[in-house]
């Protein structure tokens, strides 16, 4: 089974055995890396050359792979990522994230864009319809982004595990929106810093939410009604973005990111990023160092977890095009691929040049 490593796509996978193929979304297309019989990972092929890939989404019932791009909207592959076709009818060009859900028995693909709009497709991307109600909330005029051209984007889309009509949309920078009716109406949640990177729901308790953002990690025990800040800029990962929760050991979590915000990268040309682990549901974090460089210059902008036979592997990708892997719960890491184009949210990679 293939897994995908990208900034705005799927992050957790279930396999019968350790994956031997990873599709990686980069600044210059999709790179497929493979290993055989635990040998070293190698680059197998490159596709969608010239497109900046924001997100990769595998649809298990059809076998289709969706790629969101920052320049060519949505592309779909019917042959495991070897070739692609555009499916852009009704959608903008700059895609930031992709997600899918079964809603009332029907498969729906969602796409978030910059500027911050939300689209849905019920025909596997052949046509897209905008959910225009997203932009009817009171705060929409305040949505922005620190870097030029200062336009906010939909950064992440999350669904309630019991009812996919309940949708959460993370706006960078603008906040967290909730719809309980499939996107007809929206409620603005509050109690946290409005630079929201992503929302994760604890699998064992759908009342418990986590968000990462520009000011750390927040936690809610009442479906977003109230929030507790678990980390802030003083944490070694002061600017967290990826967040993984183990599906059966929910107190076990992983995050990654820079020591500081991207505005500092332009001055230092160094994100100085790390990967961290929590064993108590995010209340305490340990920095994982074994096997990782003393200084990770690029920012960690994509992470994925591959769960199989009671074990799991972790993968992390940086804006310097390096892929790290751990097969023992984060205790030890190794660099498995170097020299890829940046794996980057939007133009983050430019801040490090």
Foldseek 3Di string as FASTA:
>chain_A
DEEEWAQAEDFEAEDADDDFWYWYFFQFAIWIWGDDPPDFIDTDDGPPGPWRWHYWYADPVQRKIWTATQAAGIWIDNPNRPYIDDQCAAHDRGWHHKDWDQAPNFIKIWTKGPLGWIWIDRPVRNHIDTLVQVCVDPQNVVAFAPDPPGHKIFHYKDAQPVHRLWIWTQIQQGAIWIGNGNSNHIDGFDADHRFWQYKDAQLVQRLWIWTFGQFAIWIGNGNRNYIDGQGGLVDQQRRWHDKDAPNVQRQKIKIKWFSHDLVVCLVVLFRQMFMWIGNGNRNDIDTQDAADDPGDRFTFSIKHWYDHDNWIKIWTFGQQGWIKIDRHSRNHIHTRDGDDHGSDRDPSSVSND
